[in-house]
Structure formats: C-alpha cells, structure tokens
Amino acid sequence: MGITSLLPGQLGFGTAPLGNMFRAIPDDEAHATVEAAWDHGIRYYDTAPFYGAGLAESRLGEVLSAKPRDSYVLSTKVGRVILDEHETATPDFGEKGGLFEHGNPNKVVHEWTADATERSIEDSLKRLGTDRLDIVWVHDIAQDFHGDMWLSKFEEARTGAFRVLSRLRDEGVIKAWGLGVNKTEPIELALALDEPRPDGFLLAGRYTLLDHAHALGRLLPMAQEQGVDMVVGGPYSSGILAGGTHFEYQQAPPEIIERVGKLKALSDRHGVSIKAAALQFSLAHPVTAAVIPGATRPSRIAEDTAALAENIPAAFWTDLRAAGLVSSAAPLPGNA
C-alpha cells in the first residue's frame, strides 16, 4: 500500500519542535499547538522518540489520545531507544549536536536491530497513549549522524528494522513503513533492494526551495518509477524560509541568507507569501504525498493552512525559474 492512499490530506504536522528543539517550550504551549493543528483539520501527525528523548511523543499523545483513533493517521520512527536512566555525558548526535539540549535528560541508545525495533515501537505506543501506529519510519541511518559508519548502520537496519517492519506490515499491525532521513543515499540504497521493500520515505530538508537539485538527480526518478511516495519534512529548511534564522538545524550561512533574500524579493514583487511558495513547491513533485512543517505556536498552524490554500500567480513560478532560483528539472505548480 502506498503512503499517499493512507494520508488524509497534503498538510501534516511534524512534531520535532515539540521535543524542545532549539528552545524550551512550556507544556501548555505545546498542547495548544497540537490542538490548533487539530482544529485546522490536520489529521496526519509525525513524531519520533529522538525528538527530545520521548518528549514530543508524550506531548503529542497527551492531546491525540483524547481524539477518536480512526480519525487521524500517526507515524513515528525507530532507531532510538529511550532509557529510564539519565544522560551524564554530552550526547553524540553527529552534525545535529545540541539539537535537543532542552529535551528530556534520558539516555538515548542508537540501535536498529530487530529487538531494538520492537522495543522502540512498544515504548512509543505507551508514550503516545495509543494501541497502534499507521506508518513507521526507520530514522537517521545516514551520513549526518554516523559519518563514514553510516553504511554499517544501514546494514544493521536492513537485517533488523526493515525485516521487522515488513513483517508487521504483512501481518496488518502497521499499514506502511519506510525511511525517515535527511540524506538521499540511504533511500536510494533501500529502493535498490530486492527485499525488504519500503512503501515510502520521509525526506527532511532535501526537497525544498533552497535544496532540491540533488534529490532530483537520482532519488526522485527512482521513486517515481517504482511508485514509492515521499513525505517532505522540513519544507522551510529548518525555519529560514519561514522567517527564522536556522538552516540545516544551524545558524544559516551567508550564502543561504543571500539566496533567501532573492527569494523574498521575488515573492514580495508578486505579492506571494514565501511560506506558500515553499509548501506549494515541495508538493508539486508527483512523488510528494504530503508536507509536514513543524510548529510550537498555535498561530503558525493558521499560517501553514493559509499558505497551502494561497493562490500563487503562474508568473511567480516563471520568474523563479528564469532567475535560476529553482532547478530546471523541478516540477512547478501549474506546470510553470
């Protein structure tokens, strides 16, 4: 079963910020943001144990557990087991060091074996206050967390998590599984396997207005040929396309700030919201099933839903292409 057929709409909600990414968020603000997503009709929610060492899952579950379970779609991830003991050393999160320094203090074990996968799912169900998951992503078996060791992590997942999730899908325990990563190469490897075969993938930060050419070169043609769907995570490139200062979870470098300035000038000239341009660009590729921007303030949800519905003139996309601000290979809304 493909991912698109499972999802109730093109706009979902990504919960990484609810794990206290970048800043400590009060519980009531986090809960109000999830309630705002619900009130605006969003019915797909994505989370992970990694987000604040279980904090995002717990906060999401505190709200969704009061909603009818058949009325929403829920995905989480495997690859991290959250222990009861507290971390005493600085966690090694590769390029993403310090990302969840305000999250729960629990120790996080990175493991993609069969046993760890089953334990991770059991723990997630408890934190989320639910009896089932719809989609499970294999999380972060990529270079940004593991450097030159990433291929060994991929192999651990191939013989562990992939097989467990394939079995759970075949048994009807979950509806679909795939990879949730910030790099294209692990997904390309997974799509080249004879078995186990993923149903889709969550690609964060690699199909945005600021960064999409690499994904268009190999991954997305492979996915389109095989009928495998993509959920786009991080459509605002860690916030820089939504008025923030982060790109790739770090302070944006000068060349990115300059590029965003050009995008902003063009969008202002056409009276277009840059958030609308970002969301609608990511959705224009035929492989894309949904976008899942994150938020920690209820007002951001209203902005996201408005951005999705905004009418963007075809001339904007034409000028965007002419200015060299998007790849010539990128599909654009309205076939501009």
C-alpha atoms as a PDB file:
ATOM      1  CA  MET A   1       0.000   0.000   0.000  1.00  0.00           C
ATOM      2  CA  GLY A   2       1.414   3.405  -0.948  1.00  0.00           C
ATOM      3  CA  ILE A   3       1.754   6.243   1.502  1.00  0.00           C
ATOM      4  CA  THR A   4      -0.455   8.669  -0.444  1.00  0.00           C
ATOM      5  CA  SER A   5      -3.504   6.428  -0.121  1.00  0.00           C
ATOM      6  CA  LEU A   6      -3.081   6.396   3.657  1.00  0.00           C
ATOM      7  CA  LEU A   7      -2.834  10.119   4.228  1.00  0.00           C
ATOM      8  CA  PRO A   8      -5.911  12.279   4.826  1.00  0.00           C
ATOM      9  CA  GLY A   9      -4.503  15.399   3.140  1.00  0.00           C
ATOM     10  CA  GLN A  10      -1.417  17.114   1.804  1.00  0.00           C
ATOM     11  CA  LEU A  11      -0.647  19.017   5.012  1.00  0.00           C
ATOM     12  CA  GLY A  12       0.537  17.162   8.090  1.00  0.00           C
ATOM     13  CA  PHE A  13       2.154  18.221  11.334  1.00  0.00           C
ATOM     14  CA  GLY A  14       5.786  17.482  12.192  1.00  0.00           C
ATOM     15  CA  THR A  15       6.496  17.356  15.902  1.00  0.00           C
ATOM     16  CA  ALA A  16      10.283  17.747  16.161  1.00  0.00           C
ATOM     17  CA  PRO A  17       9.865  21.256  17.649  1.00  0.00           C
ATOM     18  CA  LEU A  18       7.666  19.775  20.394  1.00  0.00           C
ATOM     19  CA  GLY A  19      10.768  17.978  21.657  1.00  0.00           C
ATOM     20  CA  ASN A  20      12.161  21.375  22.700  1.00  0.00           C
ATOM     21  CA  MET A  21      14.240  21.784  19.563  1.00  0.00           C
ATOM     22  CA  PHE A  22      16.283  24.999  19.861  1.00  0.00           C
ATOM     23  CA  ARG A  23      14.345  26.201  22.925  1.00  0.00           C
ATOM     24  CA  ALA A  24      12.376  25.048  25.958  1.00  0.00           C
ATOM     25  CA  ILE A  25       8.646  25.167  25.209  1.00  0.00           C
ATOM     26  CA  PRO A  26       6.061  25.186  28.006  1.00  0.00           C
ATOM     27  CA  ASP A  27       3.764  22.156  28.027  1.00  0.00           C
ATOM     28  CA  ASP A  28       0.641  24.278  27.641  1.00  0.00           C
ATOM     29  CA  GLU A  29       2.072  25.958  24.529  1.00  0.00           C
ATOM     30  CA  ALA A  30       2.951  22.591  23.006  1.00  0.00           C
ATOM     31  CA  HIS A  31      -0.511  21.199  23.736  1.00  0.00           C
ATOM     32  CA  ALA A  32      -2.218  24.313  22.352  1.00  0.00           C
ATOM     33  CA  THR A  33      -0.226  23.974  19.121  1.00  0.00           C
ATOM     34  CA  VAL A  34      -1.341  20.363  18.614  1.00  0.00           C
ATOM     35  CA  GLU A  35      -4.936  21.374  19.380  1.00  0.00           C
ATOM     36  CA  ALA A  36      -4.634  24.177  16.812  1.00  0.00           C
ATOM     37  CA  ALA A  37      -3.471  21.660  14.210  1.00  0.00           C
ATOM     38  CA  TRP A  38      -6.496  19.524  15.004  1.00  0.00           C
ATOM     39  CA  ASP A  39      -8.867  22.491  14.873  1.00  0.00           C
ATOM     40  CA  HIS A  40      -7.498  23.441  11.435  1.00  0.00           C
ATOM     41  CA  GLY A  41      -8.327  19.999  10.109  1.00  0.00           C
ATOM     42  CA  ILE A  42      -4.853  18.457  10.116  1.00  0.00           C
ATOM     43  CA  ARG A  43      -5.152  14.700  10.543  1.00  0.00           C
ATOM     44  CA  TYR A  44      -1.638  13.419   9.883  1.00  0.00           C
ATOM     45  CA  TYR A  45       0.903  13.639  12.708  1.00  0.00           C
ATOM     46  CA  ASP A  46       4.534  12.572  12.570  1.00  0.00           C
ATOM     47  CA  THR A  47       6.801  12.148  15.564  1.00  0.00           C
ATOM     48  CA  ALA A  48       9.849  10.211  16.825  1.00  0.00           C
ATOM     49  CA  PRO A  49      11.452   9.022  20.080  1.00  0.00           C
ATOM     50  CA  PHE A  50      14.516  11.091  19.179  1.00  0.00           C
ATOM     51  CA  TYR A  51      12.622  14.378  19.482  1.00  0.00           C
ATOM     52  CA  GLY A  52      13.527  15.447  22.985  1.00  0.00           C
ATOM     53  CA  ALA A  53      14.169  11.854  24.165  1.00  0.00           C
ATOM     54  CA  GLY A  54      10.473  10.978  24.091  1.00  0.00           C
ATOM     55  CA  LEU A  55       9.157  14.439  24.945  1.00  0.00           C
ATOM     56  CA  ALA A  56       7.491  15.115  21.584  1.00  0.00           C
ATOM     57  CA  GLU A  57       5.757  11.723  21.569  1.00  0.00           C
ATOM     58  CA  SER A  58       4.446  12.249  25.097  1.00  0.00           C
ATOM     59  CA  ARG A  59       3.156  15.746  24.335  1.00  0.00           C
ATOM     60  CA  LEU A  60       1.511  14.607  21.113  1.00  0.00           C
ATOM     61  CA  GLY A  61      -0.051  11.624  22.858  1.00  0.00           C
ATOM     62  CA  GLU A  62      -1.482  13.770  25.633  1.00  0.00           C
ATOM     63  CA  VAL A  63      -3.619  15.529  23.028  1.00  0.00           C
ATOM     64  CA  LEU A  64      -4.301  12.841  20.439  1.00  0.00           C
ATOM     65  CA  SER A  65      -5.197  10.140  22.961  1.00  0.00           C
ATOM     66  CA  ALA A  66      -8.398  12.116  23.588  1.00  0.00           C
ATOM     67  CA  LYS A  67      -9.326  12.048  19.877  1.00  0.00           C
ATOM     68  CA  PRO A  68     -11.051   9.182  18.023  1.00  0.00           C
ATOM     69  CA  ARG A  69      -8.191   6.922  16.889  1.00  0.00           C
ATOM     70  CA  ASP A  70      -9.743   6.164  13.490  1.00  0.00           C
ATOM     71  CA  SER A  71      -9.920   9.880  12.651  1.00  0.00           C
ATOM     72  CA  TYR A  72      -6.185  10.535  12.231  1.00  0.00           C
ATOM     73  CA  VAL A  73      -3.014   8.991  10.807  1.00  0.00           C
ATOM     74  CA  LEU A  74       0.031   8.622  13.032  1.00  0.00           C
ATOM     75  CA  SER A  75       3.651   7.908  12.187  1.00  0.00           C
ATOM     76  CA  THR A  76       6.676   7.566  14.411  1.00  0.00           C
ATOM     77  CA  LYS A  77      10.203   6.232  13.972  1.00  0.00           C
ATOM     78  CA  VAL A  78      12.570   3.506  15.104  1.00  0.00           C
ATOM     79  CA  GLY A  79      16.324   3.596  15.657  1.00  0.00           C
ATOM     80  CA  ARG A  80      16.455   5.216  19.085  1.00  0.00           C
ATOM     81  CA  VAL A  81      15.522   3.541  22.357  1.00  0.00           C
ATOM     82  CA  ILE A  82      14.942   5.919  25.272  1.00  0.00           C
ATOM     83  CA  LEU A  83      16.242   4.593  28.586  1.00  0.00           C
ATOM     84  CA  ASP A  84      14.959   5.398  32.060  1.00  0.00           C
ATOM     85  CA  GLU A  85      18.444   6.429  33.192  1.00  0.00           C
ATOM     86  CA  HIS A  86      19.621   9.990  32.666  1.00  0.00           C
ATOM     87  CA  GLU A  87      22.452  11.015  30.350  1.00  0.00           C
ATOM     88  CA  THR A  88      25.547  12.226  32.185  1.00  0.00           C
ATOM     89  CA  ALA A  89      27.757  12.913  29.151  1.00  0.00           C
ATOM     90  CA  THR A  90      27.132  15.149  26.143  1.00  0.00           C
ATOM     91  CA  PRO A  91      25.149  13.058  23.623  1.00  0.00           C
ATOM     92  CA  ASP A  92      26.774  12.436  20.241  1.00  0.00           C
ATOM     93  CA  PHE A  93      24.251  13.464  17.616  1.00  0.00           C
ATOM     94  CA  GLY A  94      26.732  13.927  14.769  1.00  0.00           C
ATOM     95  CA  GLU A  95      26.079  17.082  12.772  1.00  0.00           C
ATOM     96  CA  LYS A  96      22.949  17.704  14.870  1.00  0.00           C
ATOM     97  CA  GLY A  97      24.756  18.136  18.186  1.00  0.00           C
ATOM     98  CA  GLY A  98      22.825  20.219  20.706  1.00  0.00           C
ATOM     99  CA  LEU A  99      19.596  19.975  18.737  1.00  0.00           C
ATOM    100  CA  PHE A 100      17.527  18.731  21.682  1.00  0.00           C
ATOM    101  CA  GLU A 101      19.605  20.001  24.587  1.00  0.00           C
ATOM    102  CA  HIS A 102      16.368  21.280  26.186  1.00  0.00           C
ATOM    103  CA  GLY A 103      14.581  17.924  25.860  1.00  0.00           C
ATOM    104  CA  ASN A 104      14.218  15.138  28.409  1.00  0.00           C
ATOM    105  CA  PRO A 105      17.509  14.182  30.111  1.00  0.00           C
ATOM    106  CA  ASN A 106      17.114  10.470  29.360  1.00  0.00           C
ATOM    107  CA  LYS A 107      19.884   8.486  27.726  1.00  0.00           C
ATOM    108  CA  VAL A 108      19.266   7.679  24.058  1.00  0.00           C
ATOM    109  CA  VAL A 109      20.563   4.414  22.558  1.00  0.00           C
ATOM    110  CA  HIS A 110      21.000   4.341  18.776  1.00  0.00           C
ATOM    111  CA  GLU A 111      20.119   0.860  17.539  1.00  0.00           C
ATOM    112  CA  TRP A 112      18.317  -0.607  14.513  1.00  0.00           C
ATOM    113  CA  THR A 113      18.328  -4.316  15.393  1.00  0.00           C
ATOM    114  CA  ALA A 114      15.148  -6.401  15.409  1.00  0.00           C
ATOM    115  CA  ASP A 115      14.937  -6.410  19.231  1.00  0.00           C
ATOM    116  CA  ALA A 116      15.530  -2.660  19.478  1.00  0.00           C
ATOM    117  CA  THR A 117      12.915  -2.014  16.792  1.00  0.00           C
ATOM    118  CA  GLU A 118      10.251  -3.976  18.636  1.00  0.00           C
ATOM    119  CA  ARG A 119      11.114  -2.318  21.948  1.00  0.00           C
ATOM    120  CA  SER A 120      11.088   1.125  20.333  1.00  0.00           C
ATOM    121  CA  ILE A 121       7.585   0.536  18.958  1.00  0.00           C
ATOM    122  CA  GLU A 122       6.287  -0.720  22.309  1.00  0.00           C
ATOM    123  CA  ASP A 123       7.708   2.316  24.106  1.00  0.00           C
ATOM    124  CA  SER A 124       6.306   4.712  21.505  1.00  0.00           C
ATOM    125  CA  LEU A 125       2.820   3.229  21.859  1.00  0.00           C
ATOM    126  CA  LYS A 126       2.975   3.876  25.613  1.00  0.00           C
ATOM    127  CA  ARG A 127       4.196   7.456  25.241  1.00  0.00           C
ATOM    128  CA  LEU A 128       1.609   8.178  22.555  1.00  0.00           C
ATOM    129  CA  GLY A 129      -1.228   6.593  24.519  1.00  0.00           C
ATOM    130  CA  THR A 130      -2.431   4.563  21.551  1.00  0.00           C
ATOM    131  CA  ASP A 131      -2.787   0.920  20.593  1.00  0.00           C
ATOM    132  CA  ARG A 132      -1.437   1.161  17.057  1.00  0.00           C
ATOM    133  CA  LEU A 133       0.741   3.040  14.580  1.00  0.00           C
ATOM    134  CA  ASP A 134      -0.098   3.602  10.932  1.00  0.00           C
ATOM    135  CA  ILE A 135       3.358   4.285   9.472  1.00  0.00           C
ATOM    136  CA  VAL A 136       6.816   3.613  10.916  1.00  0.00           C
ATOM    137  CA  TRP A 137       9.962   5.268   9.555  1.00  0.00           C
ATOM    138  CA  VAL A 138      13.491   3.933  10.058  1.00  0.00           C
ATOM    139  CA  HIS A 139      15.207   7.013  11.436  1.00  0.00           C
ATOM    140  CA  ASP A 140      18.545   8.628  10.552  1.00  0.00           C
ATOM    141  CA  ILE A 141      20.626   5.782   9.107  1.00  0.00           C
ATOM    142  CA  ALA A 142      22.626   8.379   7.208  1.00  0.00           C
ATOM    143  CA  GLN A 143      25.881  10.306   6.972  1.00  0.00           C
ATOM    144  CA  ASP A 144      24.782  13.306   9.024  1.00  0.00           C
ATOM    145  CA  PHE A 145      24.630  11.209  12.196  1.00  0.00           C
ATOM    146  CA  HIS A 146      27.161   8.458  11.511  1.00  0.00           C
ATOM    147  CA  GLY A 147      29.757   9.792   9.083  1.00  0.00           C
ATOM    148  CA  ASP A 148      31.719   7.010   7.389  1.00  0.00           C
ATOM    149  CA  MET A 149      29.961   4.433   9.599  1.00  0.00           C
ATOM    150  CA  TRP A 150      26.544   5.031   8.060  1.00  0.00           C
ATOM    151  CA  LEU A 151      26.683   2.014   5.763  1.00  0.00           C
ATOM    152  CA  SER A 152      27.148  -0.305   8.733  1.00  0.00           C
ATOM    153  CA  LYS A 153      24.108   1.310  10.383  1.00  0.00           C
ATOM    154  CA  PHE A 154      22.158   0.803   7.162  1.00  0.00           C
ATOM    155  CA  GLU A 155      23.126  -2.892   7.154  1.00  0.00           C
ATOM    156  CA  GLU A 156      22.040  -3.210  10.793  1.00  0.00           C
ATOM    157  CA  ALA A 157      18.684  -1.735   9.822  1.00  0.00           C
ATOM    158  CA  ARG A 158      18.377  -3.867   6.691  1.00  0.00           C
ATOM    159  CA  THR A 159      18.720  -7.094   8.653  1.00  0.00           C
ATOM    160  CA  GLY A 160      16.854  -5.789  11.685  1.00  0.00           C
ATOM    161  CA  ALA A 161      14.349  -2.944  11.445  1.00  0.00           C
ATOM    162  CA  PHE A 162      13.492  -3.443   7.754  1.00  0.00           C
ATOM    163  CA  ARG A 163      12.536  -7.086   8.266  1.00  0.00           C
ATOM    164  CA  VAL A 164      10.583  -6.458  11.453  1.00  0.00           C
ATOM    165  CA  LEU A 165       8.600  -3.652   9.836  1.00  0.00           C
ATOM    166  CA  SER A 166       7.961  -5.696   6.695  1.00  0.00           C
ATOM    167  CA  ARG A 167       6.567  -8.490   8.859  1.00  0.00           C
ATOM    168  CA  LEU A 168       4.396  -6.103  10.872  1.00  0.00           C
ATOM    169  CA  ARG A 169       3.057  -4.606   7.647  1.00  0.00           C
ATOM    170  CA  ASP A 170       2.319  -8.031   6.192  1.00  0.00           C
ATOM    171  CA  GLU A 171       0.536  -9.007   9.414  1.00  0.00           C
ATOM    172  CA  GLY A 172      -1.542  -5.806   9.293  1.00  0.00           C
ATOM    173  CA  VAL A 173      -0.095  -4.461  12.551  1.00  0.00           C
ATOM    174  CA  ILE A 174       1.122  -1.343  10.706  1.00  0.00           C
ATOM    175  CA  LYS A 175      -0.017  -0.097   7.325  1.00  0.00           C
ATOM    176  CA  ALA A 176       3.315   1.019   5.835  1.00  0.00           C
ATOM    177  CA  TRP A 177       6.987   1.619   6.558  1.00  0.00           C
ATOM    178  CA  GLY A 178       9.930   3.411   5.043  1.00  0.00           C
ATOM    179  CA  LEU A 179      12.999   5.513   5.817  1.00  0.00           C
ATOM    180  CA  GLY A 180      12.986   8.868   7.577  1.00  0.00           C
ATOM    181  CA  VAL A 181      16.288  10.598   6.823  1.00  0.00           C
ATOM    182  CA  ASN A 182      17.954  13.900   5.930  1.00  0.00           C
ATOM    183  CA  LYS A 183      20.034  12.416   3.096  1.00  0.00           C
ATOM    184  CA  THR A 184      19.077  10.811  -0.220  1.00  0.00           C
ATOM    185  CA  GLU A 185      21.632   7.987  -0.378  1.00  0.00           C
ATOM    186  CA  PRO A 186      20.079   5.618   2.224  1.00  0.00           C
ATOM    187  CA  ILE A 187      16.738   5.807   0.422  1.00  0.00           C
ATOM    188  CA  GLU A 188      18.406   5.092  -2.915  1.00  0.00           C
ATOM    189  CA  LEU A 189      20.027   2.007  -1.384  1.00  0.00           C
ATOM    190  CA  ALA A 190      16.710   0.845   0.055  1.00  0.00           C
ATOM    191  CA  LEU A 191      14.941   1.277  -3.281  1.00  0.00           C
ATOM    192  CA  ALA A 192      17.628  -0.840  -4.954  1.00  0.00           C
ATOM    193  CA  LEU A 193      16.971  -3.825  -2.656  1.00  0.00           C
ATOM    194  CA  ASP A 194      15.013  -6.831  -3.869  1.00  0.00           C
ATOM    195  CA  GLU A 195      13.638  -7.149  -0.339  1.00  0.00           C
ATOM    196  CA  PRO A 196      12.545  -5.839   2.110  1.00  0.00           C
ATOM    197  CA  ARG A 197      10.814  -3.096   0.127  1.00  0.00           C
ATOM    198  CA  PRO A 198       9.697   0.200   1.713  1.00  0.00           C
ATOM    199  CA  ASP A 199       6.315   1.760   0.904  1.00  0.00           C
ATOM    200  CA  GLY A 200       7.573   5.328   1.004  1.00  0.00           C
ATOM    201  CA  PHE A 201      10.026   7.656   2.663  1.00  0.00           C
ATOM    202  CA  LEU A 202      10.210  10.811   4.721  1.00  0.00           C
ATOM    203  CA  LEU A 203      12.906  13.095   3.323  1.00  0.00           C
ATOM    204  CA  ALA A 204      13.688  16.088   5.526  1.00  0.00           C
ATOM    205  CA  GLY A 205      15.291  19.220   4.124  1.00  0.00           C
ATOM    206  CA  ARG A 206      16.260  17.760   0.747  1.00  0.00           C
ATOM    207  CA  TYR A 207      13.238  18.793  -1.287  1.00  0.00           C
ATOM    208  CA  THR A 208      12.775  22.448  -0.504  1.00  0.00           C
ATOM    209  CA  LEU A 209      13.044  25.714  -2.396  1.00  0.00           C
ATOM    210  CA  LEU A 210      16.596  26.016  -1.076  1.00  0.00           C
ATOM    211  CA  ASP A 211      17.818  22.454  -1.605  1.00  0.00           C
ATOM    212  CA  HIS A 212      16.320  20.121  -4.194  1.00  0.00           C
ATOM    213  CA  ALA A 213      18.690  19.637  -7.138  1.00  0.00           C
ATOM    214  CA  HIS A 214      20.449  16.608  -5.636  1.00  0.00           C
ATOM    215  CA  ALA A 215      17.208  14.745  -4.913  1.00  0.00           C
ATOM    216  CA  LEU A 216      16.018  15.415  -8.460  1.00  0.00           C
ATOM    217  CA  GLY A 217      19.148  13.846  -9.928  1.00  0.00           C
ATOM    218  CA  ARG A 218      18.656  10.221  -8.889  1.00  0.00           C
ATOM    219  CA  LEU A 219      16.356   9.576  -5.946  1.00  0.00           C
ATOM    220  CA  LEU A 220      13.092  11.058  -7.151  1.00  0.00           C
ATOM    221  CA  PRO A 221      13.236   9.462 -10.628  1.00  0.00           C
ATOM    222  CA  MET A 222      13.830   6.091  -8.904  1.00  0.00           C
ATOM    223  CA  ALA A 223      10.928   6.645  -6.541  1.00  0.00           C
ATOM    224  CA  GLN A 224       8.611   7.744  -9.345  1.00  0.00           C
ATOM    225  CA  GLU A 225       9.492   4.714 -11.446  1.00  0.00           C
ATOM    226  CA  GLN A 226       8.798   2.370  -8.530  1.00  0.00           C
ATOM    227  CA  GLY A 227       5.638   4.129  -7.371  1.00  0.00           C
ATOM    228  CA  VAL A 228       7.117   4.961  -3.952  1.00  0.00           C
ATOM    229  CA  ASP A 229       5.786   8.092  -2.247  1.00  0.00           C
ATOM    230  CA  MET A 230       7.607  10.865  -0.375  1.00  0.00           C
ATOM    231  CA  VAL A 231       6.627  12.868   2.676  1.00  0.00           C
ATOM    232  CA  VAL A 232       8.575  16.141   2.739  1.00  0.00           C
ATOM    233  CA  GLY A 233       9.903  17.039   6.157  1.00  0.00           C
ATOM    234  CA  GLY A 234      11.411  20.412   6.945  1.00  0.00           C
ATOM    235  CA  PRO A 235       9.832  22.256   3.982  1.00  0.00           C
ATOM    236  CA  TYR A 236      11.005  25.555   5.478  1.00  0.00           C
ATOM    237  CA  SER A 237      14.643  24.361   5.619  1.00  0.00           C
ATOM    238  CA  SER A 238      14.804  24.403   9.442  1.00  0.00           C
ATOM    239  CA  GLY A 239      12.981  27.749   9.576  1.00  0.00           C
ATOM    240  CA  ILE A 240      14.925  30.083   7.283  1.00  0.00           C
ATOM    241  CA  LEU A 241      12.038  30.017   4.768  1.00  0.00           C
ATOM    242  CA  ALA A 242       9.558  30.903   7.495  1.00  0.00           C
ATOM    243  CA  GLY A 243      11.266  33.969   8.874  1.00  0.00           C
ATOM    244  CA  GLY A 244      13.702  32.105  11.132  1.00  0.00           C
ATOM    245  CA  THR A 245      17.486  32.067  11.197  1.00  0.00           C
ATOM    246  CA  HIS A 246      18.269  28.330  11.046  1.00  0.00           C
ATOM    247  CA  PHE A 247      19.261  26.273   8.011  1.00  0.00           C
ATOM    248  CA  GLU A 248      20.117  22.591   8.398  1.00  0.00           C
ATOM    249  CA  TYR A 249      19.490  22.970  12.147  1.00  0.00           C
ATOM    250  CA  GLN A 250      22.318  25.514  12.458  1.00  0.00           C
ATOM    251  CA  GLN A 251      22.587  29.277  12.048  1.00  0.00           C
ATOM    252  CA  ALA A 252      22.220  29.948   8.306  1.00  0.00           C
ATOM    253  CA  PRO A 253      25.483  30.758   6.473  1.00  0.00           C
ATOM    254  CA  PRO A 254      25.824  33.980   4.410  1.00  0.00           C
ATOM    255  CA  GLU A 255      25.228  32.300   1.029  1.00  0.00           C
ATOM    256  CA  ILE A 256      21.899  30.859   2.226  1.00  0.00           C
ATOM    257  CA  ILE A 257      20.838  34.199   3.687  1.00  0.00           C
ATOM    258  CA  GLU A 258      21.632  35.806   0.337  1.00  0.00           C
ATOM    259  CA  ARG A 259      19.598  33.216  -1.571  1.00  0.00           C
ATOM    260  CA  VAL A 260      16.648  33.617   0.770  1.00  0.00           C
ATOM    261  CA  GLY A 261      16.871  37.376   0.211  1.00  0.00           C
ATOM    262  CA  LYS A 262      16.480  36.829  -3.537  1.00  0.00           C
ATOM    263  CA  LEU A 263      13.533  34.506  -2.988  1.00  0.00           C
ATOM    264  CA  LYS A 264      11.930  37.012  -0.636  1.00  0.00           C
ATOM    265  CA  ALA A 265      12.407  39.895  -3.078  1.00  0.00           C
ATOM    266  CA  LEU A 266      10.773  37.913  -5.870  1.00  0.00           C
ATOM    267  CA  SER A 267       7.886  36.785  -3.691  1.00  0.00           C
ATOM    268  CA  ASP A 268       7.323  40.346  -2.460  1.00  0.00           C
ATOM    269  CA  ARG A 269       7.243  41.605  -6.036  1.00  0.00           C
ATOM    270  CA  HIS A 270       4.448  39.174  -6.832  1.00  0.00           C
ATOM    271  CA  GLY A 271       2.644  39.606  -3.516  1.00  0.00           C
ATOM    272  CA  VAL A 272       3.307  35.972  -2.591  1.00  0.00           C
ATOM    273  CA  SER A 273       3.995  34.563   0.864  1.00  0.00           C
ATOM    274  CA  ILE A 274       7.360  32.802   0.886  1.00  0.00           C
ATOM    275  CA  LYS A 275       5.814  30.114   3.124  1.00  0.00           C
ATOM    276  CA  ALA A 276       3.184  29.483   0.459  1.00  0.00           C
ATOM    277  CA  ALA A 277       5.864  29.244  -2.211  1.00  0.00           C
ATOM    278  CA  ALA A 278       7.860  26.804  -0.085  1.00  0.00           C
ATOM    279  CA  LEU A 279       4.949  24.466   0.666  1.00  0.00           C
ATOM    280  CA  GLN A 280       3.487  24.513  -2.818  1.00  0.00           C
ATOM    281  CA  PHE A 281       6.893  23.941  -4.430  1.00  0.00           C
ATOM    282  CA  SER A 282       7.516  20.830  -2.335  1.00  0.00           C
ATOM    283  CA  LEU A 283       4.055  19.485  -3.148  1.00  0.00           C
ATOM    284  CA  ALA A 284       4.422  19.999  -6.893  1.00  0.00           C
ATOM    285  CA  HIS A 285       6.565  16.916  -7.431  1.00  0.00           C
ATOM    286  CA  PRO A 286       4.371  13.915  -8.363  1.00  0.00           C
ATOM    287  CA  VAL A 287       6.155  11.722  -5.796  1.00  0.00           C
ATOM    288  CA  THR A 288       5.198  14.020  -2.889  1.00  0.00           C
ATOM    289  CA  ALA A 289       2.333  12.752  -0.745  1.00  0.00           C
ATOM    290  CA  ALA A 290       2.409  15.447   1.958  1.00  0.00           C
ATOM    291  CA  VAL A 291       4.439  18.172   3.630  1.00  0.00           C
ATOM    292  CA  ILE A 292       4.843  18.213   7.406  1.00  0.00           C
ATOM    293  CA  PRO A 293       6.062  21.571   8.707  1.00  0.00           C
ATOM    294  CA  GLY A 294       6.611  21.764  12.440  1.00  0.00           C
ATOM    295  CA  ALA A 295       5.457  24.467  14.829  1.00  0.00           C
ATOM    296  CA  THR A 296       5.476  25.399  18.502  1.00  0.00           C
ATOM    297  CA  ARG A 297       2.944  28.221  18.404  1.00  0.00           C
ATOM    298  CA  PRO A 298      -0.742  27.860  17.500  1.00  0.00           C
ATOM    299  CA  SER A 299      -0.599  30.886  15.180  1.00  0.00           C
ATOM    300  CA  ARG A 300       1.889  29.082  12.944  1.00  0.00           C
ATOM    301  CA  ILE A 301      -0.709  26.431  12.115  1.00  0.00           C
ATOM    302  CA  ALA A 302      -3.064  29.044  10.718  1.00  0.00           C
ATOM    303  CA  GLU A 303      -0.193  30.398   8.617  1.00  0.00           C
ATOM    304  CA  ASP A 304       0.557  26.933   7.232  1.00  0.00           C
ATOM    305  CA  THR A 305      -3.026  26.181   6.261  1.00  0.00           C
ATOM    306  CA  ALA A 306      -3.336  29.626   4.652  1.00  0.00           C
ATOM    307  CA  ALA A 307      -0.068  29.071   2.776  1.00  0.00           C
ATOM    308  CA  LEU A 308      -1.339  25.816   1.342  1.00  0.00           C
ATOM    309  CA  ALA A 309      -4.509  27.493   0.086  1.00  0.00           C
ATOM    310  CA  GLU A 310      -2.874  30.691  -1.225  1.00  0.00           C
ATOM    311  CA  ASN A 311      -3.319  31.411  -4.914  1.00  0.00           C
ATOM    312  CA  ILE A 312       0.132  31.941  -6.422  1.00  0.00           C
ATOM    313  CA  PRO A 313       0.213  33.507  -9.901  1.00  0.00           C
ATOM    314  CA  ALA A 314       1.882  31.491 -12.646  1.00  0.00           C
ATOM    315  CA  ALA A 315       4.142  34.477 -13.360  1.00  0.00           C
ATOM    316  CA  PHE A 316       5.827  33.976  -9.996  1.00  0.00           C
ATOM    317  CA  TRP A 317       6.932  30.464 -10.887  1.00  0.00           C
ATOM    318  CA  THR A 318       8.018  31.578 -14.345  1.00  0.00           C
ATOM    319  CA  ASP A 319      10.157  34.341 -12.861  1.00  0.00           C
ATOM    320  CA  LEU A 320      11.527  31.969 -10.222  1.00  0.00           C
ATOM    321  CA  ARG A 321      12.718  29.643 -12.961  1.00  0.00           C
ATOM    322  CA  ALA A 322      14.102  32.483 -15.070  1.00  0.00           C
ATOM    323  CA  ALA A 323      16.084  33.810 -12.093  1.00  0.00           C
ATOM    324  CA  GLY A 324      17.756  30.424 -11.631  1.00  0.00           C
ATOM    325  CA  LEU A 325      16.319  30.062  -8.134  1.00  0.00           C
ATOM    326  CA  VAL A 326      14.947  26.581  -8.847  1.00  0.00           C
ATOM    327  CA  SER A 327      16.365  23.679 -10.809  1.00  0.00           C
ATOM    328  CA  SER A 328      15.302  23.410 -14.433  1.00  0.00           C
ATOM    329  CA  ALA A 329      14.306  19.805 -13.638  1.00  0.00           C
ATOM    330  CA  ALA A 330      11.947  20.709 -10.778  1.00  0.00           C
ATOM    331  CA  PRO A 331       8.213  20.354 -11.449  1.00  0.00           C
ATOM    332  CA  LEU A 332       6.421  23.594 -10.598  1.00  0.00           C
ATOM    333  CA  PRO A 333       2.795  24.200  -9.641  1.00  0.00           C
ATOM    334  CA  GLY A 334       0.604  24.705 -12.661  1.00  0.00           C
ATOM    335  CA  ASN A 335       3.399  23.334 -14.904  1.00  0.00           C
ATOM    336  CA  ALA A 336       5.060  26.758 -14.957  1.00  0.00           C
END
